[in-house]
Amino acid sequence: MRNFFCLILCAIIFIGNQKARAQELSGELTEEQFLRLVLENHPMAQQAQNLMEMGEFAVLQARGGFDPYLFSKNKQKFYNGTNYYLYSNSGITLPTRTGIKVQAGYDWNEGEYISRERTLPPQGLWYAGVSVPVLQGLIIDERRAALQQAFIERQNFENEARLLLIDVMLQASRNYWQWVQYKYQKIVVEEAIELAADNFQNFKIAFRQGDKPAVDTLEASIQLQNLSIQNQQLDNDLETARLNLYTFLWGDERNPLEEGDFYPSDVNTISEDQIDSLRATLPIFVQDHPEIRSYEFKMQMIRIDSRLKREKLKPKLDLEYNVLQNPANDISEVAGLDNYNWGLTFSVPLLLRSERGALRLNELKFENANLQVQQKRLEILNKARQYENTFQNISTQLETYQQVVRQYEQLLTAELRKFEMGESSIFLINYRQMSLVDARLKYIELQSKYRYYYRQWLHSLGADTSLWLNE
């Protein structure tokens, strides 16, 4: 038994350790892995999921307008020991999506002073029938309008969730590539410091041996100090970028991930097929952009509201018909349509100022929304083209700077050879080295911008998150 409990305890400890390790990142962290973590566990992703659920509950709320409901009306007068009257009416009403209400109930009255038109058999009367809006409310009414708008609202909530996700993906991508930039720039500066430190030591030895003047030692020392200062600044930038990165790293249980030892992957170029595909499908992206869809949903809501307001220009004419049945009789003894009550209700405003004003107000809202969507469509199109041009420009600069880095490497190598032959100086070597360091830092910065501007391009197109994860 003791061995059994030991096994259980070991299993619990093992699972706990595995879970703890799962909450800590280590090894290589690619942008795709990072964005998947954001999409799965970030609180903003949960907010997007909540938005979609809100859409479902909005529809459920609107469907509640068609729920059957029970009612009971009772009124009694009792005075000086006399029961003047007791009127009781109970039943159930079922609104339908056709505008017709189905109803059934039971009427029962008693008392000394009941009016003749309200006199019922001693057992009361069952009734069942319908209430039909013949004019206003036949095509659409408040319940049906609310349900139609709820379906649109559900789509709008999903659209808002999509906007929220691509916004958080863009923020996460920006932080990731800043971190990558400083990480690789620090490697470049550290390599340069290593070379500068070797030069400084060599020149000190050469100075002590009388081969080099003191000014060369001073020049090598200044180079080393400048690079050290640059490295300290990068330490600060890298730590800030790392902390910003961790604001997007969350575990499965909505807890921030523990700080771990991970490093970025190599910065790869985007395939030409993907770039050509984005260019070719630009009109589709603009048409299906979440911001455009938001305006379209708004216009659909206004259109439904206008239909309802136009319906209210009609007179009200409601027809009610009920079949009556004595509870004392068998159900088979229902006398067809011979026993019934019916009613007709008619009303119409004489001037219709409220209805006409509300309808015209909605027409102007719709016109403004239509103008806004046209303007927004043009803005999105131009913004997408702007980011496309910026991305293409960065791509060209990246290719150019790749050649520049190679050329600076060749210049530094040549200068070192000339120095070995006594035809150069430490000043020229430092100049060549700093030019190479600056070129490498600029190249890494362009690599980071290249990937981030591609993400901005995707964001401007309103691209679905699946396109952010498949490259």
Protein backbone atom coordinates (compact mmCIF):
# COMPACT_ATOMS: atom_id res chain seq x y z
CA MET A 1 0.00 0.00 0.00
CA ARG A 2 2.88 2.33 0.86
CA ASN A 3 4.46 1.69 -2.55
CA PHE A 4 1.12 2.48 -4.20
CA PHE A 5 0.89 5.89 -2.52
CA CYS A 6 4.52 6.60 -3.43
CA LEU A 7 3.74 5.92 -7.08
CA ILE A 8 0.76 8.28 -6.97
CA LEU A 9 2.86 10.99 -5.32
CA CYS A 10 5.60 10.62 -7.94
CA ALA A 11 3.04 10.82 -10.72
CA ILE A 12 1.57 14.02 -9.26
CA ILE A 13 5.03 15.58 -8.95
CA PHE A 14 5.91 14.55 -12.52
CA ILE A 15 2.70 16.01 -13.94
CA GLY A 16 3.21 19.20 -11.94
CA ASN A 17 6.76 19.56 -13.24
CA GLN A 18 5.61 18.94 -16.80
CA LYS A 19 2.91 21.57 -16.39
CA ALA A 20 5.40 24.04 -14.95
CA ARG A 21 7.76 23.46 -17.88
CA ALA A 22 4.87 23.91 -20.26
CA GLN A 23 4.38 27.39 -18.83
CA GLU A 24 7.96 28.40 -19.69
CA LEU A 25 9.40 28.96 -23.14
CA SER A 26 12.82 27.73 -24.15
CA GLY A 27 14.76 27.19 -27.33
CA GLU A 28 13.98 28.78 -30.66
CA LEU A 29 10.91 31.02 -30.86
CA THR A 30 9.73 31.73 -34.39
CA GLU A 31 7.24 34.48 -35.16
CA GLU A 32 4.64 31.88 -36.14
CA GLN A 33 5.03 30.08 -32.80
CA PHE A 34 4.81 33.41 -30.99
CA LEU A 35 1.68 34.52 -32.85
CA ARG A 36 0.02 31.15 -32.24
CA LEU A 37 0.62 31.56 -28.50
CA VAL A 38 -0.89 35.04 -28.68
CA LEU A 39 -3.88 33.78 -30.63
CA GLU A 40 -4.49 30.90 -28.23
CA ASN A 41 -3.85 32.38 -24.81
CA HIS A 42 -3.73 36.17 -24.84
CA PRO A 43 -6.59 37.88 -22.91
CA MET A 44 -7.48 39.86 -26.04
CA ALA A 45 -8.06 36.55 -27.83
CA GLN A 46 -10.43 35.56 -25.04
CA GLN A 47 -12.19 38.90 -25.46
CA ALA A 48 -12.64 38.09 -29.14
CA GLN A 49 -14.17 34.75 -28.19
CA ASN A 50 -16.49 36.54 -25.77
CA LEU A 51 -17.60 38.88 -28.55
CA MET A 52 -18.67 35.91 -30.68
CA GLU A 53 -20.58 34.46 -27.73
CA MET A 54 -22.24 37.85 -27.20
CA GLY A 55 -23.56 37.58 -30.76
CA GLU A 56 -25.16 34.24 -29.97
CA PHE A 57 -26.80 35.62 -26.85
CA ALA A 58 -28.05 38.68 -28.76
CA VAL A 59 -29.90 36.30 -31.09
CA LEU A 60 -31.18 34.31 -28.11
CA GLN A 61 -32.49 37.51 -26.55
CA ALA A 62 -34.32 38.50 -29.75
CA ARG A 63 -35.81 35.03 -30.09
CA GLY A 64 -37.25 35.53 -26.64
CA GLY A 65 -39.74 37.93 -28.23
CA PHE A 66 -41.47 34.86 -29.71
CA ASP A 67 -41.58 32.89 -26.48
CA PRO A 68 -45.09 31.84 -25.40
CA TYR A 69 -46.25 33.52 -22.23
CA LEU A 70 -48.93 32.80 -19.68
CA PHE A 71 -51.29 35.45 -18.38
CA SER A 72 -54.03 35.74 -15.81
CA LYS A 73 -56.38 38.68 -15.24
CA ASN A 74 -58.63 38.71 -12.20
CA LYS A 75 -60.89 41.46 -10.91
CA GLN A 76 -63.38 41.26 -8.04
CA LYS A 77 -65.71 43.60 -6.18
CA PHE A 78 -66.93 42.56 -2.72
CA TYR A 79 -68.93 45.08 -0.66
CA ASN A 80 -71.12 44.79 2.47
CA GLY A 81 -71.09 41.03 2.36
CA THR A 82 -72.09 40.91 -1.30
CA ASN A 83 -69.94 39.50 -4.10
CA TYR A 84 -70.73 41.99 -6.83
CA TYR A 85 -68.57 40.32 -9.47
CA LEU A 86 -65.47 38.22 -10.06
CA TYR A 87 -63.99 38.24 -13.53
CA SER A 88 -61.21 35.75 -14.30
CA ASN A 89 -59.37 35.33 -17.59
CA SER A 90 -56.29 33.07 -17.84
CA GLY A 91 -54.50 31.65 -20.83
CA ILE A 92 -51.43 31.42 -23.04
CA THR A 93 -50.32 33.53 -26.00
CA LEU A 94 -47.85 32.44 -28.67
CA PRO A 95 -46.43 35.16 -30.96
CA THR A 96 -45.29 33.79 -34.34
CA ARG A 97 -42.82 35.03 -36.93
CA THR A 98 -45.69 35.69 -39.33
CA GLY A 99 -47.07 38.42 -37.07
CA ILE A 100 -50.07 36.29 -36.09
CA LYS A 101 -50.64 35.55 -32.41
CA VAL A 102 -52.12 32.21 -31.42
CA GLN A 103 -53.97 32.26 -28.11
CA ALA A 104 -55.97 29.97 -25.88
CA GLY A 105 -57.48 30.42 -22.44
CA TYR A 106 -60.28 30.06 -19.95
CA ASP A 107 -62.88 32.65 -18.89
CA TRP A 108 -64.82 32.30 -15.65
CA ASN A 109 -67.14 34.84 -13.99
CA GLU A 110 -69.40 34.85 -10.95
CA GLY A 111 -71.24 37.39 -8.79
CA GLU A 112 -74.57 39.12 -8.19
CA TYR A 113 -74.11 41.99 -10.64
CA ILE A 114 -72.45 40.61 -13.77
CA SER A 115 -73.39 42.43 -16.98
CA ARG A 116 -75.29 40.36 -19.56
CA GLU A 117 -72.53 40.51 -22.22
CA ARG A 118 -70.08 39.05 -19.73
CA THR A 119 -72.38 36.29 -18.52
CA LEU A 120 -70.87 32.81 -18.95
CA PRO A 121 -72.00 29.26 -18.24
CA PRO A 122 -71.44 28.18 -14.61
CA GLN A 123 -68.41 26.17 -15.69
CA GLY A 124 -66.93 29.11 -17.66
CA LEU A 125 -65.72 28.88 -21.26
CA TRP A 126 -62.62 27.63 -23.02
CA TYR A 127 -61.51 29.61 -26.01
CA ALA A 128 -58.83 29.32 -28.70
CA GLY A 129 -58.10 31.57 -31.63
CA VAL A 130 -55.82 33.96 -33.41
CA SER A 131 -55.10 37.69 -33.57
CA VAL A 132 -54.10 38.88 -37.05
CA PRO A 133 -52.63 42.29 -37.99
CA VAL A 134 -54.32 42.92 -41.33
CA LEU A 135 -52.50 46.18 -42.23
CA GLN A 136 -49.75 47.50 -39.95
CA GLY A 137 -47.64 44.63 -38.63
CA LEU A 138 -48.52 42.16 -41.37
CA ILE A 139 -45.13 42.39 -43.13
CA ILE A 140 -42.90 43.34 -40.20
CA ASP A 141 -43.25 44.32 -36.57
CA GLU A 142 -40.99 45.10 -33.61
CA ARG A 143 -40.39 41.44 -32.76
CA ARG A 144 -39.44 40.40 -36.27
CA ALA A 145 -37.33 43.53 -36.78
CA ALA A 146 -35.46 42.85 -33.53
CA LEU A 147 -34.75 39.26 -34.58
CA GLN A 148 -33.49 40.26 -38.02
CA GLN A 149 -31.27 42.90 -36.47
CA ALA A 150 -30.00 40.36 -33.93
CA PHE A 151 -28.81 38.08 -36.74
CA ILE A 152 -26.92 41.03 -38.21
CA GLU A 153 -25.62 41.96 -34.78
CA ARG A 154 -24.23 38.46 -34.37
CA GLN A 155 -22.30 38.87 -37.61
CA ASN A 156 -21.13 42.27 -36.43
CA PHE A 157 -19.85 40.82 -33.15
CA GLU A 158 -17.90 38.22 -35.14
CA ASN A 159 -16.55 41.01 -37.31
CA GLU A 160 -15.48 43.00 -34.24
CA ALA A 161 -13.73 39.90 -32.92
CA ARG A 162 -11.85 39.64 -36.21
CA LEU A 163 -10.79 43.29 -35.97
CA LEU A 164 -9.66 42.77 -32.38
CA LEU A 165 -7.56 39.74 -33.29
CA ILE A 166 -5.74 41.34 -36.22
CA ASP A 167 -5.07 44.42 -34.06
CA VAL A 168 -3.49 42.35 -31.30
CA MET A 169 -1.56 40.32 -33.89
CA LEU A 170 -0.08 43.51 -35.32
CA GLN A 171 0.92 44.75 -31.86
CA ALA A 172 2.46 41.38 -31.04
CA SER A 173 4.33 41.27 -34.36
CA ARG A 174 5.77 44.75 -33.79
CA ASN A 175 7.10 43.74 -30.37
CA TYR A 176 8.49 40.48 -31.72
CA TRP A 177 10.47 42.11 -34.52
CA GLN A 178 11.78 44.85 -32.23
CA TRP A 179 13.07 42.12 -29.95
CA VAL A 180 14.61 40.27 -32.91
CA GLN A 181 16.25 43.47 -34.15
CA TYR A 182 17.92 44.30 -30.84
CA LYS A 183 18.87 40.67 -30.28
CA TYR A 184 20.80 40.39 -33.54
CA GLN A 185 22.19 43.93 -33.33
CA LYS A 186 23.64 43.09 -29.94
CA ILE A 187 25.40 40.07 -31.46
CA VAL A 188 26.98 42.33 -34.11
CA VAL A 189 28.18 44.86 -31.54
CA GLU A 190 29.53 42.14 -29.24
CA GLU A 191 31.54 40.68 -32.13
CA ALA A 192 32.86 44.16 -32.89
CA ILE A 193 33.79 44.65 -29.22
CA GLU A 194 35.69 41.37 -29.28
CA LEU A 195 37.69 42.54 -32.30
CA ALA A 196 38.24 46.01 -30.80
CA ALA A 197 39.39 44.48 -27.50
CA ASP A 198 41.91 42.28 -29.35
CA ASN A 199 43.18 45.32 -31.26
CA PHE A 200 43.51 47.32 -28.06
CA GLN A 201 45.51 44.55 -26.36
CA ASN A 202 47.73 44.07 -29.41
CA PHE A 203 48.45 47.80 -29.66
CA LYS A 204 49.26 48.00 -25.95
CA ILE A 205 51.77 45.20 -26.36
CA ALA A 206 53.18 46.80 -29.49
CA PHE A 207 53.47 50.16 -27.70
CA ARG A 208 55.36 48.61 -24.79
CA GLN A 209 57.71 46.96 -27.25
CA GLY A 210 58.23 50.29 -29.00
CA ASP A 211 56.64 49.20 -32.29
CA LYS A 212 53.58 51.51 -32.15
CA PRO A 213 53.07 55.06 -30.93
CA ALA A 214 50.87 55.84 -27.90
CA VAL A 215 48.31 57.57 -30.08
CA ASP A 216 47.46 54.24 -31.74
CA THR A 217 46.75 52.76 -28.33
CA LEU A 218 44.52 55.74 -27.54
CA GLU A 219 42.68 55.31 -30.85
CA ALA A 220 42.05 51.61 -30.15
CA SER A 221 40.86 52.44 -26.61
CA ILE A 222 38.37 55.05 -27.89
CA GLN A 223 37.00 52.54 -30.41
CA LEU A 224 36.49 49.99 -27.66
CA GLN A 225 34.76 52.52 -25.39
CA ASN A 226 32.43 53.72 -28.14
CA LEU A 227 31.38 50.16 -28.91
CA SER A 228 30.90 49.44 -25.19
CA ILE A 229 28.58 52.43 -24.85
CA GLN A 230 26.66 51.27 -27.90
CA ASN A 231 26.40 47.80 -26.37
CA GLN A 232 25.07 49.23 -23.10
CA GLN A 233 22.34 51.07 -24.96
CA LEU A 234 21.44 47.88 -26.80
CA ASP A 235 21.28 46.06 -23.45
CA ASN A 236 18.66 48.54 -22.32
CA ASP A 237 16.75 48.40 -25.62
CA LEU A 238 16.83 44.61 -25.64
CA GLU A 239 15.55 44.35 -22.07
CA THR A 240 12.70 46.75 -22.85
CA ALA A 241 11.82 44.76 -25.98
CA ARG A 242 11.96 41.49 -24.04
CA LEU A 243 9.58 42.81 -21.37
CA ASN A 244 7.22 44.10 -24.07
CA LEU A 245 7.34 40.66 -25.65
CA TYR A 246 6.33 39.02 -22.37
CA THR A 247 3.18 41.13 -22.18
CA PHE A 248 1.89 38.95 -25.04
CA LEU A 249 3.04 35.59 -23.66
CA TRP A 250 0.36 33.81 -21.65
CA GLY A 251 -0.11 30.23 -20.57
CA ASP A 252 -3.05 27.88 -20.97
CA GLU A 253 -4.67 28.99 -17.73
CA ARG A 254 -4.55 32.72 -18.55
CA ASN A 255 -1.43 33.18 -16.44
CA PRO A 256 1.65 35.06 -17.72
CA LEU A 257 4.42 32.73 -18.83
CA GLU A 258 7.52 32.44 -16.69
CA GLU A 259 10.61 34.06 -18.11
CA GLY A 260 12.66 31.52 -20.03
CA ASP A 261 15.74 31.29 -22.19
CA PHE A 262 14.66 31.47 -25.82
CA TYR A 263 16.09 32.99 -28.96
CA PRO A 264 14.70 34.14 -32.32
CA SER A 265 14.89 32.26 -35.57
CA ASP A 266 16.62 33.49 -38.70
CA VAL A 267 14.88 36.30 -40.57
CA ASN A 268 13.60 34.79 -43.81
CA THR A 269 12.20 36.59 -46.82
CA ILE A 270 8.55 36.38 -47.85
CA SER A 271 7.92 34.20 -50.88
CA GLU A 272 7.05 35.99 -54.11
CA ASP A 273 3.97 33.78 -54.52
CA GLN A 274 2.48 35.17 -51.31
CA ILE A 275 3.27 38.74 -52.31
CA ASP A 276 1.76 38.26 -55.77
CA SER A 277 -1.31 36.62 -54.23
CA LEU A 278 -1.89 39.64 -51.96
CA ARG A 279 -1.58 42.02 -54.88
CA ALA A 280 -3.94 39.98 -57.07
CA THR A 281 -6.66 39.70 -54.43
CA LEU A 282 -6.56 43.35 -53.31
CA PRO A 283 -10.15 44.15 -54.47
CA ILE A 284 -11.48 41.10 -52.61
CA PHE A 285 -9.65 42.09 -49.44
CA VAL A 286 -11.02 45.63 -49.63
CA GLN A 287 -14.57 44.41 -50.20
CA ASP A 288 -14.37 41.95 -47.32
CA HIS A 289 -12.43 44.24 -44.98
CA PRO A 290 -13.80 44.15 -41.40
CA GLU A 291 -14.16 47.94 -41.29
CA ILE A 292 -16.19 47.88 -44.52
CA ARG A 293 -18.26 45.05 -43.13
CA SER A 294 -18.98 47.12 -40.01
CA TYR A 295 -20.49 49.87 -42.13
CA GLU A 296 -22.44 47.35 -44.19
CA PHE A 297 -23.92 45.81 -41.05
CA LYS A 298 -24.84 49.28 -39.85
CA MET A 299 -26.60 49.95 -43.16
CA GLN A 300 -28.47 46.66 -42.95
CA MET A 301 -29.66 47.54 -39.44
CA ILE A 302 -30.85 50.94 -40.66
CA ARG A 303 -32.61 49.32 -43.63
CA ILE A 304 -34.56 46.98 -41.33
CA ASP A 305 -35.45 49.89 -39.04
CA SER A 306 -36.66 51.85 -42.09
CA ARG A 307 -38.90 48.95 -43.13
CA LEU A 308 -40.41 48.97 -39.66
CA LYS A 309 -40.97 52.73 -39.72
CA ARG A 310 -42.45 52.54 -43.22
CA GLU A 311 -44.81 49.84 -41.92
CA LYS A 312 -46.01 52.26 -39.25
CA LEU A 313 -47.29 54.60 -41.94
CA LYS A 314 -50.12 52.11 -42.43
CA PRO A 315 -53.29 52.19 -40.29
CA LYS A 316 -53.66 49.63 -37.54
CA LEU A 317 -56.29 47.02 -38.29
CA ASP A 318 -56.16 43.99 -36.01
CA LEU A 319 -58.63 41.15 -36.31
CA GLU A 320 -59.20 38.72 -33.44
CA TYR A 321 -61.22 35.51 -33.65
CA ASN A 322 -61.77 32.85 -30.96
CA VAL A 323 -63.69 29.58 -30.97
CA LEU A 324 -65.60 28.98 -27.70
CA GLN A 325 -66.15 25.67 -25.89
CA ASN A 326 -68.09 24.81 -22.72
CA PRO A 327 -65.84 22.80 -20.36
CA ALA A 328 -68.86 20.65 -19.44
CA ASN A 329 -69.09 19.35 -23.00
CA ASP A 330 -66.90 16.68 -24.53
CA ILE A 331 -64.22 17.84 -26.94
CA SER A 332 -65.97 15.92 -29.71
CA GLU A 333 -69.01 18.17 -29.22
CA VAL A 334 -67.30 21.32 -30.46
CA ALA A 335 -69.88 23.04 -32.61
CA GLY A 336 -67.50 24.01 -35.39
CA LEU A 337 -67.41 27.77 -35.87
CA ASP A 338 -70.91 28.35 -34.53
CA ASN A 339 -69.72 29.43 -31.07
CA TYR A 340 -67.21 32.24 -31.29
CA ASN A 341 -66.31 35.76 -30.41
CA TRP A 342 -64.44 38.16 -32.59
CA GLY A 343 -63.23 41.72 -32.55
CA LEU A 344 -61.74 44.34 -34.80
CA THR A 345 -59.48 47.21 -33.78
CA PHE A 346 -58.72 50.14 -36.06
CA SER A 347 -56.64 53.26 -35.52
CA VAL A 348 -54.61 55.71 -37.61
CA PRO A 349 -52.81 58.96 -36.78
CA LEU A 350 -54.25 61.84 -38.76
CA LEU A 351 -51.01 63.66 -39.60
CA LEU A 352 -48.37 60.89 -39.29
CA ARG A 353 -45.74 63.48 -38.42
CA SER A 354 -43.88 61.22 -35.99
CA GLU A 355 -43.79 58.31 -38.48
CA ARG A 356 -42.81 60.46 -41.46
CA GLY A 357 -40.10 62.25 -39.46
CA ALA A 358 -38.63 58.96 -38.16
CA LEU A 359 -38.61 57.46 -41.66
CA ARG A 360 -36.90 60.47 -43.23
CA LEU A 361 -34.36 60.53 -40.40
CA ASN A 362 -33.50 56.91 -41.11
CA GLU A 363 -33.16 57.59 -44.82
CA LEU A 364 -30.61 60.31 -44.09
CA LYS A 365 -28.73 57.99 -41.69
CA PHE A 366 -28.59 55.38 -44.43
CA GLU A 367 -27.34 57.93 -46.96
CA ASN A 368 -24.61 59.10 -44.57
CA ALA A 369 -23.56 55.50 -43.84
CA ASN A 370 -23.37 54.81 -47.57
CA LEU A 371 -21.15 57.87 -48.07
CA GLN A 372 -18.96 56.75 -45.16
CA VAL A 373 -18.49 53.27 -46.58
CA GLN A 374 -17.47 54.72 -49.96
CA GLN A 375 -14.92 56.96 -48.25
CA LYS A 376 -13.67 54.13 -46.04
CA ARG A 377 -13.30 51.82 -49.03
CA LEU A 378 -11.07 54.36 -50.77
CA GLU A 379 -9.06 54.94 -47.57
CA ILE A 380 -8.47 51.22 -47.10
CA LEU A 381 -7.47 50.79 -50.74
CA ASN A 382 -4.97 53.66 -50.60
CA LYS A 383 -3.63 52.57 -47.22
CA ALA A 384 -3.08 49.04 -48.50
CA ARG A 385 -1.26 50.41 -51.55
CA GLN A 386 0.81 52.63 -49.28
CA TYR A 387 1.97 49.69 -47.17
CA GLU A 388 2.55 47.64 -50.30
CA ASN A 389 4.81 50.38 -51.70
CA THR A 390 6.59 50.73 -48.36
CA PHE A 391 7.12 46.99 -48.17
CA GLN A 392 8.42 46.91 -51.75
CA ASN A 393 10.76 49.82 -51.00
CA ILE A 394 12.11 48.06 -47.92
CA SER A 395 12.63 44.91 -50.00
CA THR A 396 14.72 46.88 -52.48
CA GLN A 397 16.72 48.56 -49.70
CA LEU A 398 17.31 45.17 -48.11
CA GLU A 399 18.84 43.78 -51.28
CA THR A 400 21.00 46.89 -51.66
CA TYR A 401 22.21 46.84 -48.07
CA GLN A 402 23.08 43.17 -48.32
CA GLN A 403 25.55 44.14 -51.03
CA VAL A 404 26.72 47.13 -48.97
CA VAL A 405 27.53 44.86 -46.01
CA ARG A 406 29.57 42.54 -48.27
CA GLN A 407 31.45 45.51 -49.70
CA TYR A 408 32.24 46.90 -46.23
CA GLU A 409 33.47 43.45 -45.23
CA GLN A 410 35.78 43.45 -48.25
CA LEU A 411 37.02 46.96 -47.40
CA LEU A 412 37.79 45.97 -43.80
CA THR A 413 39.59 42.81 -44.93
CA ALA A 414 41.63 44.82 -47.45
CA GLU A 415 42.46 47.46 -44.83
CA LEU A 416 43.68 44.81 -42.41
CA ARG A 417 45.96 43.38 -45.10
CA LYS A 418 47.32 46.84 -45.87
CA PHE A 419 47.89 47.36 -42.14
CA GLU A 420 49.91 44.14 -41.95
CA MET A 421 52.05 45.48 -44.80
CA GLY A 422 52.49 48.79 -43.01
CA GLU A 423 50.42 50.78 -45.52
CA SER A 424 47.47 51.63 -43.23
CA SER A 425 46.72 52.90 -39.74
CA ILE A 426 44.56 52.04 -36.76
CA PHE A 427 42.42 55.07 -37.57
CA LEU A 428 41.48 53.65 -40.98
CA ILE A 429 40.88 50.20 -39.51
CA ASN A 430 38.54 51.67 -36.88
CA TYR A 431 36.79 53.69 -39.54
CA ARG A 432 36.28 50.59 -41.71
CA GLN A 433 35.12 48.56 -38.72
CA MET A 434 32.57 51.15 -37.59
CA SER A 435 31.29 51.51 -41.14
CA LEU A 436 30.80 47.75 -41.26
CA VAL A 437 29.12 47.71 -37.85
CA ASP A 438 26.76 50.52 -38.86
CA ALA A 439 25.96 48.74 -42.13
CA ARG A 440 25.22 45.48 -40.33
CA LEU A 441 23.03 47.25 -37.76
CA LYS A 442 21.16 49.02 -40.54
CA TYR A 443 20.75 45.75 -42.43
CA ILE A 444 19.27 44.05 -39.35
CA GLU A 445 16.96 47.03 -38.82
CA LEU A 446 15.79 46.76 -42.43
CA GLN A 447 15.20 43.02 -41.98
CA SER A 448 13.01 43.76 -38.96
CA LYS A 449 11.12 46.50 -40.81
CA TYR A 450 10.74 44.22 -43.84
CA ARG A 451 8.86 41.63 -41.78
CA TYR A 452 6.90 44.19 -39.77
CA TYR A 453 5.80 46.16 -42.85
CA TYR A 454 4.56 42.91 -44.34
CA ARG A 455 2.42 42.50 -41.21
CA GLN A 456 1.20 46.06 -41.57
CA TRP A 457 0.28 45.31 -45.15
CA LEU A 458 -1.72 42.28 -44.00
CA HIS A 459 -3.36 44.37 -41.30
CA SER A 460 -4.33 47.11 -43.75
CA LEU A 461 -6.01 44.45 -45.90
CA GLY A 462 -7.93 43.10 -42.91
CA ALA A 463 -6.45 39.67 -43.63
CA ASP A 464 -7.76 36.77 -41.57
CA THR A 465 -5.48 35.42 -38.84
CA SER A 466 -4.92 32.22 -40.83
CA LEU A 467 -2.88 34.23 -43.35
CA TRP A 468 -0.72 35.54 -40.52
CA LEU A 469 0.26 32.00 -39.54
CA ASN A 470 0.86 30.45 -42.96
CA GLU A 471 3.93 31.67 -44.79
